[in-house]
Protein backbone atom coordinates (compact mmCIF):
# COMPACT_ATOMS: atom_id res chain seq x y z
CA MET A 1 0.00 0.00 0.00
CA SER A 2 1.40 3.40 -0.91
CA SER A 3 0.32 6.92 -0.08
CA THR A 4 0.64 9.26 -3.03
CA GLN A 5 -0.72 12.57 -4.09
CA ALA A 6 -4.24 12.21 -5.46
CA PRO A 7 -4.16 12.18 -9.28
CA GLU A 8 -5.67 14.99 -11.27
CA ASP A 9 -8.02 12.80 -13.31
CA ARG A 10 -10.81 13.07 -10.78
CA PRO A 11 -14.27 11.67 -11.54
CA ASP A 12 -16.31 14.30 -13.39
CA VAL A 13 -18.69 15.77 -10.80
CA SER A 14 -19.38 19.05 -12.58
CA GLY A 15 -22.99 17.98 -13.17
CA TYR A 16 -23.68 17.69 -9.44
CA SER A 17 -26.22 20.23 -8.21
CA GLY A 18 -24.14 23.12 -6.93
CA GLY A 19 -21.04 22.03 -8.81
CA ALA A 20 -17.80 20.21 -8.10
CA GLU A 21 -16.88 22.11 -4.94
CA LEU A 22 -20.16 21.31 -3.22
CA TYR A 23 -19.72 17.67 -4.24
CA ARG A 24 -16.23 17.66 -2.72
CA LEU A 25 -17.52 19.22 0.51
CA ARG A 26 -20.37 16.74 0.92
CA HIS A 27 -18.23 13.77 -0.05
CA SER A 28 -15.82 14.74 2.70
CA ALA A 29 -18.66 15.20 5.20
CA ALA A 30 -19.94 11.72 4.34
CA HIS A 31 -16.56 10.22 5.27
CA VAL A 32 -16.59 12.16 8.54
CA LEU A 33 -20.06 10.72 9.24
CA ALA A 34 -18.81 7.17 8.66
CA SER A 35 -15.74 7.84 10.79
CA ALA A 36 -17.87 9.11 13.68
CA VAL A 37 -20.22 6.12 13.49
CA THR A 38 -17.43 3.52 13.49
CA GLU A 39 -15.64 5.23 16.38
CA LEU A 40 -18.79 5.43 18.50
CA PHE A 41 -20.22 2.06 17.52
CA PRO A 42 -17.27 -0.25 16.63
CA GLU A 43 -19.57 -3.23 15.93
CA THR A 44 -21.04 -1.37 12.95
CA LYS A 45 -20.15 -2.47 9.40
CA VAL A 46 -19.87 0.18 6.70
CA ALA A 47 -21.50 -0.35 3.31
CA GLY A 48 -21.22 2.80 1.24
CA GLY A 49 -22.54 6.29 0.77
CA PRO A 50 -22.17 9.07 -1.75
CA PRO A 51 -23.12 12.71 -2.00
CA VAL A 52 -26.70 13.02 -3.23
CA GLU A 53 -29.01 15.86 -4.14
CA ASN A 54 -29.10 18.26 -1.15
CA GLY A 55 -26.69 16.26 0.99
CA PHE A 56 -25.05 12.89 1.58
CA TYR A 57 -25.66 9.55 3.26
CA TYR A 58 -23.90 6.38 4.41
CA ASP A 59 -25.38 2.89 4.79
CA PHE A 60 -24.52 0.86 7.89
CA ALA A 61 -25.21 -2.65 9.20
CA ARG A 62 -25.77 -2.62 12.97
CA PRO A 63 -27.66 -5.09 15.19
CA THR A 64 -29.70 -2.36 16.90
CA PRO A 65 -31.44 0.66 15.34
CA PHE A 66 -29.91 4.10 15.55
CA THR A 67 -31.98 6.31 17.85
CA PRO A 68 -32.42 10.11 17.77
CA GLU A 69 -30.03 10.23 20.73
CA ASP A 70 -27.48 8.25 18.70
CA LEU A 71 -27.74 10.78 15.87
CA GLU A 72 -27.02 13.60 18.34
CA ARG A 73 -23.92 11.73 19.55
CA ILE A 74 -22.81 11.12 15.97
CA GLU A 75 -23.17 14.79 15.09
CA ALA A 76 -21.23 15.82 18.19
CA ARG A 77 -18.42 13.39 17.34
CA MET A 78 -18.34 14.73 13.78
CA ARG A 79 -17.77 18.23 15.17
CA GLU A 80 -14.83 16.92 17.17
CA ILE A 81 -13.33 15.23 14.08
CA ILE A 82 -13.77 18.44 12.09
CA ALA A 83 -12.09 20.45 14.86
CA GLU A 84 -9.10 18.07 14.65
CA ASP A 85 -8.73 18.96 10.95
CA ARG A 86 -7.71 15.42 10.02
CA PRO A 87 -6.15 15.37 6.54
CA PHE A 88 -7.78 13.34 3.77
CA GLU A 89 -5.00 11.06 2.56
CA TYR A 90 -5.12 9.39 -0.87
CA VAL A 91 -3.92 5.76 -0.85
CA GLU A 92 -3.37 3.43 -3.79
CA THR A 93 -2.92 -0.35 -3.50
CA THR A 94 -3.57 -3.69 -5.21
CA LYS A 95 -6.84 -5.57 -5.29
CA ASP A 96 -5.27 -8.50 -3.41
CA GLU A 97 -4.00 -6.30 -0.60
CA ALA A 98 -7.35 -4.55 -0.29
CA TYR A 99 -9.19 -7.87 -0.27
CA ALA A 100 -6.96 -9.23 2.50
CA ARG A 101 -7.43 -6.07 4.55
CA PHE A 102 -11.22 -6.03 4.42
CA ALA A 103 -11.53 -9.80 4.78
CA ALA A 104 -9.53 -9.60 8.02
CA ALA A 105 -11.92 -6.90 9.26
CA ASN A 106 -14.96 -8.96 8.19
CA GLU A 107 -16.18 -6.05 6.03
CA LYS A 108 -18.32 -8.08 3.63
CA TYR A 109 -19.78 -5.04 1.90
CA LYS A 110 -16.34 -3.79 0.91
CA LEU A 111 -15.47 -7.27 -0.36
CA HIS A 112 -18.47 -7.08 -2.67
CA PHE A 113 -17.25 -3.78 -4.13
CA LEU A 114 -13.82 -5.31 -4.69
CA THR A 115 -15.34 -8.05 -6.86
CA GLN A 116 -16.15 -5.27 -9.35
CA VAL A 117 -12.43 -4.47 -9.76
CA PRO A 118 -10.73 -6.44 -12.59
CA GLU A 119 -7.93 -8.81 -11.68
CA GLY A 120 -4.65 -6.95 -11.44
CA GLY A 121 -6.47 -3.64 -11.16
CA ARG A 122 -5.51 -0.88 -8.77
CA VAL A 123 -7.64 0.08 -5.79
CA THR A 124 -7.84 3.55 -4.26
CA TYR A 125 -8.68 4.58 -0.70
CA TYR A 126 -9.10 7.77 1.21
CA ARG A 127 -8.02 7.81 4.85
CA SER A 128 -8.87 10.38 7.53
CA GLY A 129 -7.58 9.44 10.96
CA PRO A 130 -8.38 5.79 11.72
CA PHE A 131 -11.18 5.62 9.11
CA LEU A 132 -10.31 4.27 5.67
CA ASP A 133 -12.73 3.47 2.84
CA LEU A 134 -12.65 2.50 -0.81
CA CYS A 135 -13.02 5.77 -2.66
CA ARG A 136 -11.99 7.61 -5.81
CA GLY A 137 -12.56 11.06 -4.29
CA PRO A 138 -12.44 13.96 -4.58
CA HIS A 139 -12.13 15.31 -1.02
CA LEU A 140 -11.12 18.45 0.80
CA GLN A 141 -7.57 18.80 2.09
CA GLY A 142 -8.78 18.11 5.61
CA THR A 143 -11.89 17.72 7.74
CA GLY A 144 -11.49 21.30 9.01
CA GLY A 145 -12.78 22.54 5.66
CA ILE A 146 -16.30 21.46 6.62
CA LYS A 147 -17.86 24.63 8.05
CA ALA A 148 -21.60 23.94 8.22
CA PHE A 149 -23.27 20.54 8.37
CA LYS A 150 -26.22 18.70 9.93
CA VAL A 151 -27.11 15.04 10.50
CA THR A 152 -30.76 14.98 9.52
CA HIS A 153 -32.35 11.53 9.85
CA VAL A 154 -32.04 7.77 9.52
CA ALA A 155 -34.03 5.47 7.26
CA GLY A 156 -34.01 1.89 6.06
CA ALA A 157 -32.36 0.94 2.78
CA TYR A 158 -31.95 -2.43 1.12
CA TRP A 159 -28.38 -3.49 0.36
CA LEU A 160 -27.74 -2.72 -3.34
CA GLY A 161 -31.32 -1.45 -3.60
CA SER A 162 -32.79 -4.95 -3.87
CA GLU A 163 -35.66 -6.12 -1.69
CA ARG A 164 -34.12 -9.60 -1.79
CA ASN A 165 -31.20 -8.31 0.27
CA GLU A 166 -30.92 -7.36 3.91
CA MET A 167 -32.10 -4.03 5.25
CA LEU A 168 -29.39 -1.56 6.25
CA GLN A 169 -29.64 1.70 8.16
CA ARG A 170 -29.04 4.81 6.08
CA ILE A 171 -28.00 7.95 7.93
CA TYR A 172 -28.56 11.19 6.01
CA GLY A 173 -26.90 14.55 6.44
CA THR A 174 -26.18 17.72 4.56
CA ALA A 175 -23.35 20.25 4.36
CA PHE A 176 -22.94 23.76 2.95
CA PRO A 177 -20.05 26.18 2.54
CA ALA A 178 -21.48 28.59 5.15
CA GLN A 179 -23.84 28.44 8.14
CA GLN A 180 -26.23 30.87 6.47
CA ASP A 181 -26.61 28.48 3.53
CA LEU A 182 -27.31 25.60 5.92
CA ASP A 183 -29.85 27.63 7.92
CA GLU A 184 -31.70 28.62 4.76
CA TYR A 185 -31.75 25.00 3.61
CA LEU A 186 -33.05 23.72 6.97
CA LYS A 187 -35.77 26.38 6.85
CA ARG A 188 -36.81 25.13 3.40
CA VAL A 189 -36.86 21.57 4.74
CA GLU A 190 -39.03 22.68 7.66
CA ASP A 191 -41.43 24.40 5.25
CA ALA A 192 -41.50 21.29 3.05
CA LEU A 193 -42.34 19.08 6.03
CA LYS A 194 -45.27 21.34 6.89
CA ARG A 195 -46.48 20.92 3.30
CA ASP A 196 -45.76 17.17 3.03
CA HIS A 197 -48.68 15.78 1.05
CA ARG A 198 -48.70 12.57 3.09
CA ARG A 199 -49.32 14.48 6.32
CA LEU A 200 -51.77 16.93 4.76
CA GLY A 201 -53.53 14.13 2.90
CA ARG A 202 -54.27 12.50 6.25
CA GLU A 203 -55.21 15.74 8.06
CA LEU A 204 -57.47 16.95 5.23
CA ASP A 205 -58.93 13.46 4.64
CA LEU A 206 -57.90 13.35 0.96
CA PHE A 207 -56.37 9.91 0.42
CA SER A 208 -54.88 6.84 2.06
CA ILE A 209 -52.64 3.89 1.20
CA HIS A 210 -53.20 0.54 2.89
CA GLU A 211 -50.63 -2.19 3.42
CA GLU A 212 -53.47 -4.72 3.43
CA VAL A 213 -54.20 -3.77 -0.19
CA GLY A 214 -50.61 -3.16 -1.25
CA PRO A 215 -48.03 -0.35 -1.18
CA GLY A 216 -48.15 2.25 -3.92
CA LEU A 217 -51.92 1.88 -4.48
CA VAL A 218 -53.89 5.03 -3.68
CA HIS A 219 -57.40 5.19 -2.20
CA TRP A 220 -59.10 8.52 -2.93
CA HIS A 221 -61.38 9.67 -0.10
CA PRO A 222 -64.50 11.78 -0.83
CA LYS A 223 -62.69 15.10 -0.47
CA GLY A 224 -59.72 13.87 -2.51
CA GLY A 225 -62.17 12.40 -5.00
CA MET A 226 -63.87 15.79 -5.36
CA LEU A 227 -60.50 17.48 -5.91
CA ARG A 228 -59.65 14.93 -8.60
CA HIS A 229 -63.11 15.30 -10.17
CA LEU A 230 -62.66 19.09 -10.43
CA ILE A 231 -59.23 18.74 -12.04
CA GLU A 232 -60.41 16.06 -14.47
CA ASN A 233 -63.50 18.07 -15.49
CA PHE A 234 -61.34 21.13 -16.15
CA TRP A 235 -58.95 18.94 -18.15
CA LYS A 236 -61.78 17.39 -20.18
CA GLU A 237 -63.45 20.71 -20.99
CA GLU A 238 -60.21 22.17 -22.33
CA HIS A 239 -59.44 19.08 -24.40
CA LEU A 240 -62.89 19.08 -25.99
CA ARG A 241 -62.46 22.76 -26.84
CA ARG A 242 -59.21 21.95 -28.63
CA GLY A 243 -60.42 19.10 -30.79
CA TYR A 244 -59.52 16.03 -28.72
CA GLN A 245 -61.68 12.91 -28.67
CA PHE A 246 -61.99 10.78 -25.54
CA VAL A 247 -61.26 7.06 -25.71
CA TYR A 248 -61.15 4.30 -23.12
CA THR A 249 -58.98 1.19 -23.30
CA PRO A 250 -58.84 -2.01 -21.18
CA HIS A 251 -56.66 -2.32 -18.12
CA LEU A 252 -55.14 -5.56 -19.36
CA ALA A 253 -54.27 -7.02 -22.75
CA SER A 254 -52.72 -10.06 -24.33
CA GLU A 255 -48.96 -10.21 -23.92
CA LYS A 256 -48.73 -10.29 -27.72
CA LEU A 257 -49.66 -6.61 -27.84
CA PHE A 258 -46.71 -5.64 -25.63
CA GLN A 259 -44.38 -7.87 -27.63
CA ILE A 260 -45.31 -5.96 -30.79
CA SER A 261 -45.02 -2.58 -29.06
CA GLY A 262 -41.61 -3.44 -27.59
CA HIS A 263 -42.72 -2.73 -24.03
CA LEU A 264 -42.06 -6.33 -23.01
CA GLU A 265 -38.55 -6.13 -24.42
CA ASN A 266 -37.62 -2.66 -23.18
CA TYR A 267 -39.79 -2.20 -20.07
CA GLY A 268 -40.28 -5.77 -18.89
CA ASP A 269 -38.70 -5.00 -15.52
CA ILE A 270 -41.51 -2.56 -14.64
CA MET A 271 -44.35 -4.77 -15.93
CA TYR A 272 -46.26 -7.10 -13.63
CA SER A 273 -46.13 -10.86 -14.06
CA PRO A 274 -48.44 -12.41 -16.66
CA MET A 275 -51.76 -13.98 -15.73
CA ASP A 276 -53.16 -16.98 -17.57
CA ILE A 277 -56.48 -16.37 -19.33
CA ASP A 278 -57.77 -19.19 -21.55
CA GLY A 279 -54.25 -20.54 -21.81
CA GLN A 280 -52.80 -17.22 -23.03
CA PRO A 281 -50.58 -14.81 -21.05
CA TYR A 282 -52.12 -11.40 -20.30
CA ARG A 283 -50.56 -8.33 -18.69
CA VAL A 284 -51.95 -5.29 -16.92
CA LYS A 285 -50.99 -2.36 -19.09
CA PRO A 286 -47.95 -0.21 -18.29
CA MET A 287 -48.80 2.25 -21.11
CA ASN A 288 -51.94 3.43 -22.92
CA CYS A 289 -50.39 3.93 -26.37
CA PRO A 290 -50.86 0.39 -27.82
CA GLY A 291 -54.59 0.59 -27.07
CA HIS A 292 -54.91 3.92 -28.87
CA ILE A 293 -53.17 2.43 -31.90
CA MET A 294 -55.68 -0.42 -31.89
CA ILE A 295 -58.52 2.12 -32.07
CA TYR A 296 -56.81 4.01 -34.91
CA GLN A 297 -56.40 0.82 -36.93
CA THR A 298 -60.07 -0.21 -36.84
CA ARG A 299 -60.52 1.66 -40.11
CA ARG A 300 -58.49 3.20 -42.91
CA HIS A 301 -57.61 6.88 -42.61
CA SER A 302 -56.85 9.45 -45.26
CA TYR A 303 -54.91 12.67 -44.90
CA ARG A 304 -58.28 14.45 -44.61
CA ASP A 305 -58.92 12.67 -41.27
CA LEU A 306 -55.72 13.89 -39.69
CA PRO A 307 -54.76 15.04 -37.19
CA LEU A 308 -56.57 12.66 -34.84
CA ARG A 309 -56.20 13.53 -31.18
CA TYR A 310 -57.12 10.70 -28.81
CA ALA A 311 -57.18 11.50 -25.09
CA GLU A 312 -57.67 9.17 -22.13
CA LEU A 313 -57.42 9.43 -18.39
CA GLY A 314 -55.99 5.94 -18.48
CA THR A 315 -54.91 3.96 -15.43
CA VAL A 316 -51.66 2.00 -15.81
CA TYR A 317 -49.61 -0.21 -13.53
CA ARG A 318 -45.83 -0.26 -13.19
CA TYR A 319 -43.63 -2.00 -10.67
CA GLU A 320 -41.67 0.35 -8.45
CA ARG A 321 -39.39 -0.93 -5.70
CA SER A 322 -40.88 -0.42 -2.25
CA GLY A 323 -37.87 1.67 -1.23
CA VAL A 324 -38.74 4.41 -3.73
CA LEU A 325 -42.50 4.54 -3.17
CA HIS A 326 -43.52 7.93 -1.77
CA GLY A 327 -47.14 8.76 -0.97
CA MET A 328 -48.95 9.81 -4.13
CA GLU A 329 -45.79 11.00 -5.85
CA ARG A 330 -44.27 7.57 -6.55
CA VAL A 331 -46.85 4.79 -6.86
CA ARG A 332 -47.53 1.49 -8.62
CA GLY A 333 -50.96 2.25 -10.05
CA PHE A 334 -51.70 5.67 -11.50
CA THR A 335 -53.91 7.49 -13.99
CA GLN A 336 -52.14 9.38 -16.76
CA ASP A 337 -53.68 12.34 -18.51
CA ASP A 338 -52.61 10.66 -21.69
CA SER A 339 -53.02 11.61 -25.33
CA HIS A 340 -51.75 10.31 -28.64
CA ILE A 341 -51.92 12.41 -31.76
CA PHE A 342 -51.75 10.86 -35.23
CA CYS A 343 -50.69 13.38 -37.86
CA THR A 344 -48.70 13.93 -41.02
CA ARG A 345 -45.14 15.23 -41.13
CA GLU A 346 -46.46 18.56 -42.37
CA GLN A 347 -48.78 18.85 -39.34
CA LEU A 348 -46.25 17.88 -36.70
CA GLN A 349 -44.91 21.30 -35.78
CA ASP A 350 -48.37 22.86 -35.48
CA GLU A 351 -49.53 19.95 -33.31
CA VAL A 352 -46.58 20.41 -30.95
CA LEU A 353 -47.37 24.12 -30.81
CA GLY A 354 -50.98 23.31 -29.91
CA ILE A 355 -49.81 21.02 -27.10
CA LEU A 356 -47.54 23.76 -25.74
CA ASP A 357 -50.46 26.23 -25.78
CA LEU A 358 -52.69 23.81 -23.88
CA MET A 359 -49.94 22.96 -21.43
CA ASP A 360 -49.28 26.63 -20.70
CA PHE A 361 -53.00 27.26 -20.11
CA LEU A 362 -53.38 24.31 -17.74
CA LEU A 363 -50.24 24.93 -15.69
CA LYS A 364 -50.93 28.64 -15.23
CA ALA A 365 -54.45 27.83 -14.04
CA PHE A 366 -52.88 25.85 -11.20
CA GLY A 367 -50.41 28.62 -10.41
CA TYR A 368 -47.22 27.05 -11.73
CA GLU A 369 -44.18 28.47 -13.41
CA TYR A 370 -42.20 25.97 -15.45
CA VAL A 371 -39.02 25.36 -17.41
CA CYS A 372 -38.62 23.34 -20.63
CA TYR A 373 -35.88 20.95 -21.76
CA LEU A 374 -35.36 19.71 -25.30
CA ALA A 375 -34.01 16.17 -24.97
CA THR A 376 -32.09 15.05 -28.07
CA ARG A 377 -30.96 11.71 -29.52
CA PRO A 378 -28.99 9.40 -27.22
CA LYS A 379 -25.37 8.98 -28.25
CA GLU A 380 -25.42 5.19 -28.41
CA LYS A 381 -28.62 3.13 -28.32
CA TYR A 382 -31.45 4.57 -30.44
CA LEU A 383 -33.92 3.54 -33.12
CA GLY A 384 -34.51 5.19 -36.48
CA SER A 385 -32.40 7.03 -39.02
CA ASP A 386 -30.44 10.21 -38.44
CA GLU A 387 -32.78 11.96 -40.88
CA GLU A 388 -35.84 10.99 -38.84
CA TRP A 389 -34.23 12.17 -35.62
CA ALA A 390 -33.19 15.47 -37.19
CA PHE A 391 -36.70 16.05 -38.54
CA ALA A 392 -38.43 15.25 -35.22
CA THR A 393 -35.97 17.25 -33.11
CA ASP A 394 -36.23 20.26 -35.43
CA ALA A 395 -40.04 20.17 -35.22
CA LEU A 396 -39.90 20.30 -31.42
CA ARG A 397 -37.29 23.06 -31.46
CA GLN A 398 -39.22 25.22 -33.91
CA ALA A 399 -42.45 24.83 -31.94
CA LEU A 400 -40.68 25.98 -28.77
CA ASP A 401 -39.23 28.95 -30.66
CA ARG A 402 -42.57 29.88 -32.21
CA ARG A 403 -44.24 29.73 -28.78
CA GLY A 404 -41.47 31.95 -27.39
CA LEU A 405 -40.64 29.48 -24.64
CA PRO A 406 -37.08 29.55 -23.29
CA TYR A 407 -35.59 26.08 -22.98
CA GLU A 408 -32.39 24.21 -22.26
CA VAL A 409 -31.03 21.46 -24.49
CA ASP A 410 -30.61 18.11 -22.76
CA GLU A 411 -28.03 16.56 -25.08
CA GLY A 412 -28.58 12.82 -25.41
CA GLY A 413 -31.52 12.88 -22.99
CA GLY A 414 -34.15 11.66 -25.45
CA ALA A 415 -35.85 8.29 -25.24
CA PHE A 416 -34.25 5.55 -27.34
CA TYR A 417 -37.13 5.87 -29.81
CA ALA A 418 -37.67 9.62 -29.98
CA PRO A 419 -36.66 13.16 -28.97
CA LYS A 420 -38.91 14.88 -26.46
CA ILE A 421 -39.73 18.03 -24.56
CA ASP A 422 -39.60 17.57 -20.80
CA VAL A 423 -41.20 20.20 -18.60
CA LYS A 424 -40.49 20.80 -14.92
CA LEU A 425 -42.93 22.65 -12.69
CA ARG A 426 -41.58 25.02 -10.07
CA ASP A 427 -43.59 24.95 -6.85
CA ALA A 428 -44.05 27.50 -4.07
CA LEU A 429 -40.83 26.34 -2.38
CA GLY A 430 -38.81 26.67 -5.58
CA ARG A 431 -38.55 22.89 -6.11
CA GLU A 432 -38.75 21.49 -9.64
CA TRP A 433 -40.97 18.53 -10.53
CA GLN A 434 -40.94 16.61 -13.81
CA CYS A 435 -44.55 16.33 -15.01
CA PRO A 436 -45.44 17.23 -18.63
CA THR A 437 -43.69 15.48 -21.48
CA ILE A 438 -44.11 15.61 -25.27
CA GLN A 439 -42.54 12.86 -27.38
CA VAL A 440 -42.30 12.31 -31.12
CA ASP A 441 -42.49 8.54 -31.63
CA LEU A 442 -40.36 7.08 -34.43
CA ASN A 443 -40.84 3.51 -33.23
CA LEU A 444 -44.45 2.42 -32.69
CA PRO A 445 -45.81 3.47 -36.12
CA LYS A 446 -43.25 1.13 -37.70
CA ARG A 447 -43.89 -1.72 -35.28
CA PHE A 448 -47.65 -1.64 -35.79
CA GLY A 449 -47.73 -0.45 -39.40
CA VAL A 450 -49.72 2.71 -38.70
CA TYR A 451 -50.50 4.41 -42.03
CA TYR A 452 -52.73 6.97 -43.69
CA THR A 453 -53.55 7.47 -47.35
CA ALA A 454 -51.97 10.66 -48.65
CA SER A 455 -53.23 12.93 -51.44
CA ASP A 456 -51.08 10.96 -53.91
CA GLY A 457 -53.17 7.86 -53.15
CA LYS A 458 -50.24 6.07 -51.50
CA GLU A 459 -49.91 4.90 -47.94
CA HIS A 460 -47.57 6.90 -45.71
CA GLU A 461 -46.49 6.26 -42.16
CA VAL A 462 -48.17 8.51 -39.62
CA VAL A 463 -46.25 10.63 -37.18
CA MET A 464 -47.27 9.79 -33.62
CA LEU A 465 -47.07 12.18 -30.69
CA HIS A 466 -47.24 11.01 -27.07
CA ARG A 467 -48.03 13.63 -24.47
CA ALA A 468 -49.03 13.91 -20.85
CA LEU A 469 -49.53 17.42 -19.50
CA LEU A 470 -50.28 16.84 -15.84
CA GLY A 471 -48.31 13.59 -15.79
CA SER A 472 -50.45 11.41 -13.58
CA MET A 473 -53.38 12.39 -11.39
CA GLU A 474 -51.76 10.89 -8.30
CA ARG A 475 -48.42 12.61 -8.71
CA PHE A 476 -49.93 15.89 -9.87
CA VAL A 477 -52.33 16.09 -6.93
CA GLY A 478 -49.55 15.16 -4.48
CA ILE A 479 -47.41 17.99 -5.85
CA LEU A 480 -50.40 20.36 -5.85
CA ILE A 481 -51.07 19.63 -2.17
CA GLU A 482 -47.49 20.63 -1.35
CA HIS A 483 -47.52 23.61 -3.72
CA THR A 484 -50.62 25.06 -2.03
CA GLY A 485 -49.89 23.71 1.45
CA GLY A 486 -53.39 22.22 1.27
CA GLU A 487 -54.95 25.67 0.92
CA PHE A 488 -56.58 25.14 -2.44
CA PRO A 489 -58.00 28.08 -4.37
CA VAL A 490 -61.77 28.38 -4.17
CA TRP A 491 -62.33 26.79 -7.57
CA LEU A 492 -60.48 23.63 -6.46
CA ALA A 493 -61.43 23.45 -2.78
CA PRO A 494 -63.37 20.24 -2.07
CA VAL A 495 -65.45 22.25 0.43
CA GLN A 496 -65.70 25.91 -0.53
CA ALA A 497 -67.72 27.12 2.44
CA ILE A 498 -68.94 25.90 5.80
CA VAL A 499 -71.99 27.44 7.44
CA ILE A 500 -71.47 28.03 11.18
CA PRO A 501 -74.52 28.92 13.29
CA ALA A 502 -73.65 31.20 16.23
CA ASN A 503 -76.07 29.32 18.49
CA PRO A 504 -78.92 26.78 18.24
CA LYS A 505 -81.44 29.56 17.56
CA ALA A 506 -79.80 30.00 14.13
CA PHE A 507 -79.85 26.28 13.17
CA ASP A 508 -82.88 26.61 10.88
CA TYR A 509 -81.42 29.64 9.11
CA ALA A 510 -78.08 27.84 8.77
CA ALA A 511 -79.82 24.82 7.20
CA ASP A 512 -81.69 27.09 4.77
CA THR A 513 -78.43 28.89 3.90
CA LEU A 514 -76.79 25.54 3.18
CA ARG A 515 -79.69 24.66 0.88
CA MET A 516 -79.27 27.91 -1.05
CA LEU A 517 -75.52 27.42 -1.43
CA LYS A 518 -75.87 23.87 -2.69
CA GLU A 519 -78.64 24.77 -5.14
CA ALA A 520 -76.33 27.46 -6.54
CA GLY A 521 -73.55 24.91 -7.02
CA VAL A 522 -71.42 25.98 -4.08
CA ARG A 523 -69.72 23.04 -2.36
CA ALA A 524 -70.80 23.64 1.21
CA GLU A 525 -71.29 21.97 4.59
CA VAL A 526 -72.89 23.03 7.87
CA ASP A 527 -71.47 22.60 11.39
CA LEU A 528 -74.31 21.82 13.81
CA ARG A 529 -72.08 20.44 16.57
CA ASP A 530 -72.67 21.43 20.17
CA GLU A 531 -69.48 23.50 20.25
CA LYS A 532 -68.67 27.18 20.73
CA MET A 533 -68.51 29.26 17.57
CA GLY A 534 -64.81 30.02 18.11
CA ALA A 535 -63.98 26.30 18.21
CA LYS A 536 -65.96 25.71 15.00
CA ILE A 537 -64.12 28.50 13.22
CA ARG A 538 -60.77 27.17 14.44
CA ASP A 539 -61.62 23.64 13.25
CA ALA A 540 -62.66 24.97 9.83
CA GLU A 541 -59.37 26.86 9.59
CA LEU A 542 -57.44 23.68 10.40
CA VAL A 543 -59.03 21.78 7.50
CA LYS A 544 -58.36 24.82 5.30
CA ILE A 545 -61.92 25.61 4.14
CA PRO A 546 -61.76 28.95 2.27
CA TYR A 547 -64.99 30.49 3.61
CA MET A 548 -66.64 30.26 7.03
CA VAL A 549 -70.18 31.61 6.82
CA VAL A 550 -71.28 32.70 10.29
CA VAL A 551 -75.00 33.17 10.89
CA GLY A 552 -76.85 34.15 14.06
CA PRO A 553 -80.32 35.48 14.97
CA ARG A 554 -79.42 38.98 13.71
CA GLU A 555 -78.27 37.64 10.32
CA ALA A 556 -81.38 35.49 10.13
CA GLU A 557 -83.63 38.47 10.77
CA ALA A 558 -81.85 40.63 8.16
CA GLY A 559 -81.36 37.82 5.58
CA LEU A 560 -77.58 38.26 5.73
CA VAL A 561 -74.43 36.21 6.36
CA ALA A 562 -71.17 37.21 8.04
CA PRO A 563 -68.42 35.47 6.03
CA ARG A 564 -64.83 34.96 7.13
CA ARG A 565 -62.13 34.36 4.49
CA LYS A 566 -59.32 32.06 5.58
CA GLY A 567 -56.15 34.09 5.82
CA GLN A 568 -58.02 37.40 5.57
CA GLY A 569 -60.39 37.41 8.51
CA GLN A 570 -63.87 38.80 8.86
CA LEU A 571 -65.59 40.31 5.80
CA ASP A 572 -68.45 42.80 5.83
CA PRO A 573 -71.92 41.27 6.23
CA MET A 574 -73.65 40.64 2.91
CA SER A 575 -76.75 39.02 1.50
CA ARG A 576 -76.72 35.34 0.81
CA GLU A 577 -77.10 36.08 -2.88
CA ALA A 578 -74.07 38.39 -2.82
CA PHE A 579 -71.99 35.73 -1.10
CA ILE A 580 -73.03 33.12 -3.65
CA GLU A 581 -72.04 35.46 -6.48
CA ARG A 582 -68.67 36.06 -4.82
CA VAL A 583 -67.91 32.32 -4.65
CA GLN A 584 -69.21 31.72 -8.18
CA ARG A 585 -67.03 34.53 -9.54
CA GLU A 586 -63.90 33.16 -7.86
CA THR A 587 -64.74 29.71 -9.22
CA ARG A 588 -65.41 31.01 -12.70
CA GLU A 589 -62.24 33.10 -12.82
CA ARG A 590 -60.12 30.40 -11.13
CA SER A 591 -58.64 33.15 -8.98
């Protein structure tokens, strides 16, 4: 084993969020974390841990779980190691020497990593104090360069990400160049926790997920169902206005369909196991596109029929590892706001422009800003000719330019079968979420033989566009809950107003007010509980109902209501008709 100066050909980490220096800082902090854990808990075995988005982690095998008190001790020990300013020392050795070293220490996880090194290959370490780990770097000069860090939490993680392997304990942390940066980040995390859609979904009675049914499968409660209904109706109305036709396709299909489409070959790892029906294998669908092609092919089409815009709120099923499932935002069964457009080459650019117009209208209605990325042909594995790729990519680029949308080019980021436009929403906390996507498909029309008859009387291959503008209802609603903090605008609120009688003498007037609101289409409830009015108002605020309509004997006598607007306080008394018009106007204007 020899200690040398670290070579200059470092791994390229320039793409890491925040750049190479932040990567170096967090990589070093991760090693300090592992050093602190092994010094405090010598029985612990170290697996591995890299810098990740917003921080770092390390995986450990330990007989007993780490407690919150353990994390405090670990953080305190890290501060001591940082104060010692231990140098990070680069070490190079042989595979055999490394294997002997870790075998003697019974570090089975390190032995696994060494099996990935070719025979005769060199192995690199980084050492800081007594802690030494397989590592290519880069690192700071010493631990003293870590100025601001925090151990945040511990979670379970399967070894190598496979559910077939043992569960390890993953300790997370983060580090920043300055304390102010760390404080601002921790404040954002605190705000995000307050807006966590899993917590708000439970508190607002929107949805649930049940282990008895299966992880990643969402149950929409009445209030969540109303929210979804409002979004879907808005979506449908806009699609009808823009010339889309609604279709519905089965949830399962013969495996032959997915063999033709290539999904079985290219996406088999996310498809669920086949079921035997009449001696033939069937699959639940992972995509809606093959079904839309089946509808298109039920009759011949001429150029006069095109473009055809098929739209479906289609539920699909894809296997996701349990370790990555996350509330509504990462699930196994979800409903895509899917559409497939069949058009000619000459129509392609205008169709993309139409999609961008619709996308902009929808996203702005929900209060989102967004950024676009043009993802181009992969460098290695791809289908189709260079001419086809150039044509499709140019059509997407020109549509973005015509729409005046700024965009970044994601070189090589396209699907293996087509270039695409990826769109990321920016929420109220400044986080970006991948939702809309627009893809030009160069693959499926060939596989299925999807043609139209052109004006020359000959058959030509159609151009097929895939697009989802919200993404999936589950993911979109989960993100929307966090974007709004559960305080939905009036047009989306499952309950727009709750009538609160000041005392039992106003119960009849409250019931009549509720009747008027409902007849006018206002989504309303009444609170007739034997509670004080202040408690009723507080409870309505907690479940984030936009309007609290207080009525008492004086309001009943005058035919008025005394509304309160959440976040604004008491409004001037007004007639019931005036209040109804106020709610209807906010709903109509989506304000």
